[in-house]
């Protein structure tokens, strides 16, 4: 199974990337529960899931989404990942399901410019650089 990866980054200068929605320091924002958390509390399956990806490398050199990246999940739960517009190379590592229990949930706070939405993280990928393309 291949998953396409895209990024939305605005480039101010060749060395400075700025994400489109950034919370302002000192300002208070509302927090809402996202679909993945609401469905988990109702013991239902959400329409989408979030995977946390951590990879060892410097950030991508190009910040557009003209050419999407790729992510292959192999039958042995190993992942091969190429970043969007990347000439950096490939990354490999395991994908692991996140275990949620009575001690808490692993969530990500998605900021949309007006509020934070908490979404449940269903899996994690820890990828390491393996080869140049």
N, C-alpha and C. Protein backbone atom coordinates (compact mmCIF):
# COMPACT_ATOMS: atom_id res chain seq x y z
N UNK A 1 0.84 -1.17 0.00
CA UNK A 1 0.00 0.00 0.00
C UNK A 1 0.89 1.24 0.00
N UNK A 2 0.67 2.16 -0.95
CA UNK A 2 1.39 3.44 -0.99
C UNK A 2 0.49 4.53 -0.47
N UNK A 3 1.04 5.42 0.35
CA UNK A 3 0.33 6.59 0.83
C UNK A 3 1.08 7.81 0.30
N UNK A 4 0.38 8.75 -0.34
CA UNK A 4 1.03 9.95 -0.84
C UNK A 4 1.18 10.96 0.27
N UNK A 5 2.33 11.60 0.36
CA UNK A 5 2.61 12.60 1.39
C UNK A 5 2.79 13.94 0.69
N UNK A 6 2.13 14.97 1.18
CA UNK A 6 2.34 16.31 0.65
C UNK A 6 2.61 17.27 1.79
N UNK A 7 3.21 18.40 1.51
CA UNK A 7 3.47 19.40 2.52
C UNK A 7 2.91 20.73 2.06
N UNK A 8 2.53 21.56 3.01
CA UNK A 8 2.08 22.92 2.71
C UNK A 8 2.96 23.87 3.49
N UNK A 9 3.99 24.38 2.83
CA UNK A 9 4.94 25.27 3.46
C UNK A 9 5.08 26.50 2.57
N UNK A 10 5.09 27.67 3.17
CA UNK A 10 5.34 28.90 2.43
C UNK A 10 6.81 29.24 2.63
N UNK A 11 7.51 29.47 1.55
CA UNK A 11 8.93 29.80 1.65
C UNK A 11 9.11 31.32 1.63
N UNK A 12 9.61 31.91 2.72
CA UNK A 12 9.93 33.34 2.75
C UNK A 12 11.26 33.60 2.08
N UNK A 13 12.23 32.80 2.43
CA UNK A 13 13.55 32.86 1.81
C UNK A 13 13.97 31.42 1.58
N UNK A 14 15.01 31.17 0.82
CA UNK A 14 15.42 29.78 0.60
C UNK A 14 15.75 29.03 1.89
N UNK A 15 16.13 29.74 2.96
CA UNK A 15 16.53 29.06 4.19
C UNK A 15 15.49 29.17 5.31
N UNK A 16 14.36 29.83 5.07
CA UNK A 16 13.41 30.07 6.14
C UNK A 16 12.01 29.64 5.71
N UNK A 17 11.49 28.57 6.31
CA UNK A 17 10.15 28.08 5.99
C UNK A 17 9.17 28.53 7.07
N UNK A 18 7.99 28.96 6.67
CA UNK A 18 6.97 29.39 7.61
C UNK A 18 5.69 28.63 7.30
N UNK A 19 5.12 27.96 8.28
CA UNK A 19 3.88 27.24 8.07
C UNK A 19 2.73 28.23 8.05
N UNK A 20 1.67 27.90 7.32
CA UNK A 20 0.58 28.83 7.08
C UNK A 20 -0.14 29.26 8.35
N UNK A 21 -0.48 28.36 9.25
CA UNK A 21 -1.23 28.71 10.45
C UNK A 21 -0.34 28.52 11.68
N UNK A 22 0.05 29.64 12.29
CA UNK A 22 0.91 29.60 13.47
C UNK A 22 0.21 30.35 14.60
N UNK A 23 0.05 29.72 15.78
CA UNK A 23 -0.60 30.42 16.89
C UNK A 23 0.24 31.60 17.38
N UNK A 24 -0.45 32.67 17.78
CA UNK A 24 0.23 33.86 18.29
C UNK A 24 0.58 33.67 19.75
N UNK A 25 1.80 34.01 20.17
CA UNK A 25 2.19 33.92 21.58
C UNK A 25 1.31 34.85 22.43
N UNK A 26 0.95 34.40 23.61
CA UNK A 26 0.18 35.21 24.55
C UNK A 26 -1.31 35.24 24.27
N UNK A 27 -1.78 34.59 23.22
CA UNK A 27 -3.20 34.58 22.89
C UNK A 27 -3.81 33.25 23.31
N UNK A 28 -5.02 33.29 23.85
CA UNK A 28 -5.70 32.07 24.29
C UNK A 28 -6.60 31.57 23.16
N UNK A 29 -6.56 30.25 22.91
CA UNK A 29 -7.34 29.64 21.84
C UNK A 29 -8.23 28.54 22.41
N UNK A 30 -9.43 28.35 21.83
CA UNK A 30 -10.27 27.23 22.26
C UNK A 30 -9.67 25.90 21.82
N UNK A 31 -10.01 24.85 22.55
CA UNK A 31 -9.60 23.48 22.22
C UNK A 31 -10.86 22.65 22.07
N UNK A 32 -10.96 21.94 20.93
CA UNK A 32 -12.12 21.08 20.68
C UNK A 32 -11.64 19.65 20.45
N UNK A 33 -12.53 18.71 20.69
CA UNK A 33 -12.21 17.30 20.43
C UNK A 33 -12.48 17.00 18.96
N UNK A 34 -11.53 16.36 18.31
CA UNK A 34 -11.67 16.00 16.90
C UNK A 34 -12.44 14.70 16.73
N UNK A 35 -12.73 14.38 15.48
CA UNK A 35 -13.51 13.19 15.16
C UNK A 35 -12.89 11.91 15.70
N UNK A 36 -11.55 11.78 15.62
CA UNK A 36 -10.91 10.54 16.06
C UNK A 36 -11.09 10.31 17.56
N UNK A 37 -11.01 11.37 18.35
CA UNK A 37 -11.24 11.22 19.80
C UNK A 37 -12.70 10.97 20.12
N UNK A 38 -13.60 11.69 19.46
CA UNK A 38 -15.03 11.50 19.69
C UNK A 38 -15.47 10.08 19.33
N UNK A 39 -14.97 9.56 18.20
CA UNK A 39 -15.32 8.20 17.79
C UNK A 39 -14.72 7.17 18.74
N UNK A 40 -13.50 7.43 19.25
CA UNK A 40 -12.87 6.49 20.19
C UNK A 40 -13.69 6.41 21.48
N UNK A 41 -14.18 7.55 21.97
CA UNK A 41 -15.00 7.56 23.18
C UNK A 41 -16.33 6.83 22.97
N UNK A 42 -16.82 6.81 21.74
CA UNK A 42 -18.08 6.13 21.42
C UNK A 42 -17.83 4.70 20.95
N UNK A 43 -16.58 4.23 21.04
CA UNK A 43 -16.19 2.90 20.57
C UNK A 43 -16.55 2.67 19.11
N UNK A 44 -16.38 3.71 18.29
CA UNK A 44 -16.63 3.62 16.85
C UNK A 44 -15.33 3.91 16.10
N UNK A 45 -15.29 3.52 14.86
CA UNK A 45 -14.11 3.75 14.02
C UNK A 45 -14.25 5.09 13.30
N UNK A 46 -13.22 5.92 13.37
CA UNK A 46 -13.22 7.22 12.69
C UNK A 46 -13.00 7.03 11.20
N UNK A 47 -13.38 8.04 10.40
CA UNK A 47 -13.19 7.99 8.95
C UNK A 47 -11.73 8.12 8.56
N UNK A 48 -10.89 8.66 9.44
CA UNK A 48 -9.47 8.82 9.16
C UNK A 48 -8.67 8.53 10.42
N UNK A 49 -7.38 8.38 10.26
CA UNK A 49 -6.51 8.20 11.42
C UNK A 49 -5.24 9.00 11.21
N UNK A 50 -4.56 9.30 12.30
CA UNK A 50 -3.32 10.08 12.24
C UNK A 50 -2.15 9.20 12.64
N UNK A 51 -1.08 9.34 11.91
CA UNK A 51 0.14 8.60 12.18
C UNK A 51 1.25 9.62 12.45
N UNK A 52 1.93 9.47 13.55
CA UNK A 52 3.05 10.34 13.89
C UNK A 52 4.30 9.78 13.20
N UNK A 53 4.98 10.65 12.44
CA UNK A 53 6.19 10.22 11.72
C UNK A 53 7.38 11.00 12.26
N UNK A 54 8.40 10.27 12.66
CA UNK A 54 9.66 10.89 13.08
C UNK A 54 10.75 10.28 12.21
N UNK A 55 11.52 11.16 11.56
CA UNK A 55 12.60 10.66 10.71
C UNK A 55 13.88 11.40 11.04
N UNK A 56 15.00 10.71 10.86
CA UNK A 56 16.31 11.28 11.17
C UNK A 56 16.90 11.90 9.92
N UNK A 57 16.93 13.22 9.88
CA UNK A 57 17.52 13.95 8.77
C UNK A 57 17.28 15.42 8.99
N UNK A 58 17.91 16.25 8.17
CA UNK A 58 17.58 17.66 8.18
C UNK A 58 16.24 17.82 7.46
N UNK A 59 15.62 18.98 7.60
CA UNK A 59 14.32 19.18 6.96
C UNK A 59 14.46 19.15 5.44
N UNK A 60 13.36 18.86 4.73
CA UNK A 60 13.45 18.82 3.27
C UNK A 60 13.95 20.15 2.72
N UNK A 61 14.77 20.11 1.70
CA UNK A 61 15.35 21.33 1.13
C UNK A 61 14.35 22.10 0.28
N UNK A 62 13.39 21.43 -0.30
CA UNK A 62 12.40 22.09 -1.13
C UNK A 62 11.07 22.05 -0.40
N UNK A 63 10.33 23.16 -0.42
CA UNK A 63 9.12 23.25 0.38
C UNK A 63 7.84 23.39 -0.39
N UNK A 64 7.71 22.73 -1.52
CA UNK A 64 6.45 22.78 -2.25
C UNK A 64 5.85 21.38 -2.30
N UNK A 65 4.65 21.28 -2.82
CA UNK A 65 4.02 19.97 -2.92
C UNK A 65 3.79 19.59 -4.38
N UNK A 66 4.64 20.07 -5.27
CA UNK A 66 4.49 19.77 -6.69
C UNK A 66 4.64 18.28 -6.97
N UNK A 67 5.57 17.64 -6.30
CA UNK A 67 5.78 16.20 -6.47
C UNK A 67 5.57 15.55 -5.10
N UNK A 68 4.51 14.76 -4.94
CA UNK A 68 4.25 14.17 -3.62
C UNK A 68 5.29 13.12 -3.24
N UNK A 69 5.43 12.91 -1.94
CA UNK A 69 6.28 11.84 -1.45
C UNK A 69 5.54 10.53 -1.50
N UNK A 70 6.19 9.48 -1.02
CA UNK A 70 5.56 8.15 -1.01
C UNK A 70 5.86 7.48 0.32
N UNK A 71 4.93 6.66 0.75
CA UNK A 71 5.12 5.88 1.96
C UNK A 71 4.57 4.48 1.68
N UNK A 72 5.41 3.47 1.77
CA UNK A 72 5.03 2.09 1.52
C UNK A 72 5.03 1.34 2.85
N UNK A 73 3.92 0.72 3.19
CA UNK A 73 3.85 -0.12 4.38
C UNK A 73 3.94 -1.57 3.91
N UNK A 74 5.03 -2.22 4.29
CA UNK A 74 5.26 -3.61 3.88
C UNK A 74 4.46 -4.56 4.77
N UNK A 75 4.26 -5.81 4.32
CA UNK A 75 3.51 -6.78 5.14
C UNK A 75 4.13 -7.04 6.52
N UNK A 76 5.45 -6.85 6.66
CA UNK A 76 6.11 -7.06 7.95
C UNK A 76 6.07 -5.81 8.84
N UNK A 77 5.20 -4.83 8.51
CA UNK A 77 5.02 -3.59 9.26
C UNK A 77 6.25 -2.68 9.23
N UNK A 78 7.11 -2.85 8.22
CA UNK A 78 8.22 -1.93 7.98
C UNK A 78 7.76 -0.91 6.95
N UNK A 79 8.29 0.31 7.03
CA UNK A 79 7.88 1.40 6.18
C UNK A 79 9.07 1.89 5.37
N UNK A 80 8.83 2.21 4.09
CA UNK A 80 9.80 2.90 3.24
C UNK A 80 9.15 4.23 2.87
N UNK A 81 9.86 5.34 3.13
CA UNK A 81 9.28 6.66 2.94
C UNK A 81 10.21 7.53 2.10
N UNK A 82 9.60 8.28 1.15
CA UNK A 82 10.30 9.31 0.39
C UNK A 82 9.55 10.60 0.64
N UNK A 83 10.26 11.67 0.98
CA UNK A 83 9.63 12.96 1.26
C UNK A 83 9.23 13.67 -0.04
N UNK A 84 8.24 14.59 0.02
CA UNK A 84 7.85 15.34 -1.17
C UNK A 84 9.03 16.11 -1.77
N UNK A 85 9.11 16.13 -3.09
CA UNK A 85 10.16 16.85 -3.82
C UNK A 85 11.55 16.54 -3.31
N UNK A 86 11.75 15.36 -2.80
CA UNK A 86 13.00 15.06 -2.10
C UNK A 86 14.06 14.49 -3.02
N UNK A 87 15.25 15.04 -2.87
CA UNK A 87 16.44 14.43 -3.45
C UNK A 87 17.32 13.90 -2.33
N UNK A 88 16.77 13.95 -1.11
CA UNK A 88 17.51 13.53 0.08
C UNK A 88 17.72 12.02 0.07
N UNK A 89 16.70 11.24 -0.29
CA UNK A 89 16.81 9.79 -0.29
C UNK A 89 15.62 9.14 0.36
N UNK A 90 15.81 7.90 0.80
CA UNK A 90 14.74 7.13 1.41
C UNK A 90 14.99 6.93 2.90
N UNK A 91 13.89 6.73 3.60
CA UNK A 91 13.92 6.46 5.03
C UNK A 91 13.18 5.16 5.26
N UNK A 92 13.64 4.37 6.22
CA UNK A 92 12.98 3.11 6.56
C UNK A 92 12.83 3.00 8.06
N UNK A 93 11.80 2.28 8.48
CA UNK A 93 11.59 2.03 9.90
C UNK A 93 10.29 1.32 10.15
N UNK A 94 10.02 0.97 11.39
CA UNK A 94 8.80 0.24 11.72
C UNK A 94 7.60 1.18 11.91
N UNK A 95 6.41 0.66 11.64
CA UNK A 95 5.18 1.34 12.00
C UNK A 95 4.58 0.55 13.16
N UNK A 96 4.22 1.26 14.22
CA UNK A 96 3.72 0.61 15.42
C UNK A 96 2.39 1.22 15.83
N UNK A 97 1.46 0.37 16.20
CA UNK A 97 0.17 0.85 16.69
C UNK A 97 0.36 1.46 18.07
N UNK A 98 -0.28 2.60 18.30
CA UNK A 98 -0.22 3.25 19.61
C UNK A 98 -1.27 2.61 20.51
N UNK A 99 -0.86 2.20 21.69
CA UNK A 99 -1.77 1.58 22.64
C UNK A 99 -2.35 2.63 23.56
N UNK A 100 -3.67 2.81 23.50
CA UNK A 100 -4.35 3.76 24.37
C UNK A 100 -5.04 2.96 25.47
N UNK A 101 -4.87 3.41 26.72
CA UNK A 101 -5.47 2.70 27.83
C UNK A 101 -5.95 3.70 28.88
N UNK A 102 -6.24 3.22 30.06
CA UNK A 102 -6.78 4.09 31.11
C UNK A 102 -5.78 5.15 31.57
N UNK A 103 -4.49 4.99 31.23
CA UNK A 103 -3.49 5.98 31.66
C UNK A 103 -3.48 7.21 30.75
N UNK A 104 -4.13 7.13 29.57
CA UNK A 104 -4.20 8.31 28.73
C UNK A 104 -4.18 8.00 27.25
N UNK A 105 -4.24 9.07 26.48
CA UNK A 105 -4.25 8.99 25.02
C UNK A 105 -3.08 9.77 24.45
N UNK A 106 -2.53 9.29 23.34
CA UNK A 106 -1.55 10.06 22.58
C UNK A 106 -2.32 10.83 21.52
N UNK A 107 -2.24 12.16 21.59
CA UNK A 107 -2.99 13.02 20.68
C UNK A 107 -2.06 14.02 20.01
N UNK A 108 -2.57 14.62 18.95
CA UNK A 108 -1.90 15.73 18.30
C UNK A 108 -2.89 16.89 18.33
N UNK A 109 -2.37 18.10 18.57
CA UNK A 109 -3.20 19.30 18.56
C UNK A 109 -3.05 19.97 17.21
N UNK A 110 -4.10 19.95 16.40
CA UNK A 110 -4.08 20.53 15.06
C UNK A 110 -4.59 21.96 15.16
N UNK A 111 -3.77 22.92 14.74
CA UNK A 111 -4.15 24.34 14.80
C UNK A 111 -4.62 24.77 13.42
N UNK A 112 -5.85 25.30 13.34
CA UNK A 112 -6.41 25.71 12.04
C UNK A 112 -6.43 27.22 11.84
N UNK A 113 -5.81 27.96 12.73
CA UNK A 113 -5.80 29.41 12.65
C UNK A 113 -6.73 30.07 13.64
N UNK A 114 -7.73 29.31 14.14
CA UNK A 114 -8.68 29.86 15.11
C UNK A 114 -8.77 29.05 16.38
N UNK A 115 -8.53 27.72 16.30
CA UNK A 115 -8.62 26.87 17.49
C UNK A 115 -7.71 25.65 17.32
N UNK A 116 -7.52 24.94 18.42
CA UNK A 116 -6.79 23.67 18.41
C UNK A 116 -7.81 22.54 18.44
N UNK A 117 -7.59 21.54 17.59
CA UNK A 117 -8.45 20.35 17.55
C UNK A 117 -7.60 19.15 17.97
N UNK A 118 -8.01 18.46 19.02
CA UNK A 118 -7.27 17.28 19.48
C UNK A 118 -7.71 16.06 18.69
N UNK A 119 -6.74 15.38 18.09
CA UNK A 119 -7.00 14.17 17.32
C UNK A 119 -6.14 13.04 17.87
N UNK A 120 -6.69 11.86 17.87
CA UNK A 120 -6.04 10.67 18.38
C UNK A 120 -4.97 10.18 17.41
N UNK A 121 -3.78 9.89 17.91
CA UNK A 121 -2.72 9.31 17.10
C UNK A 121 -2.88 7.79 17.16
N UNK A 122 -3.02 7.16 15.99
CA UNK A 122 -3.27 5.72 15.97
C UNK A 122 -2.01 4.89 15.80
N UNK A 123 -0.97 5.49 15.20
CA UNK A 123 0.27 4.74 14.98
C UNK A 123 1.45 5.70 14.89
N UNK A 124 2.63 5.14 15.04
CA UNK A 124 3.86 5.93 14.93
C UNK A 124 4.83 5.24 13.97
N UNK A 125 5.61 6.06 13.28
CA UNK A 125 6.67 5.56 12.41
C UNK A 125 7.97 6.21 12.85
N UNK A 126 8.99 5.42 13.08
CA UNK A 126 10.32 5.92 13.41
C UNK A 126 11.23 5.51 12.26
N UNK A 127 11.48 6.43 11.34
CA UNK A 127 12.24 6.12 10.13
C UNK A 127 13.65 6.70 10.22
N UNK A 128 14.59 5.98 9.67
CA UNK A 128 15.96 6.44 9.64
C UNK A 128 16.41 6.50 8.18
N UNK A 129 17.33 7.42 7.92
CA UNK A 129 17.86 7.59 6.57
C UNK A 129 18.61 6.34 6.16
N UNK A 130 18.32 5.81 4.96
CA UNK A 130 18.99 4.59 4.54
C UNK A 130 19.75 4.71 3.22
N UNK A 131 19.29 5.56 2.29
CA UNK A 131 20.00 5.63 1.01
C UNK A 131 19.65 6.91 0.27
N UNK A 132 20.60 7.33 -0.55
CA UNK A 132 20.39 8.48 -1.41
C UNK A 132 19.72 7.99 -2.68
N UNK A 133 18.88 8.83 -3.27
CA UNK A 133 18.15 8.45 -4.47
C UNK A 133 18.98 8.73 -5.71
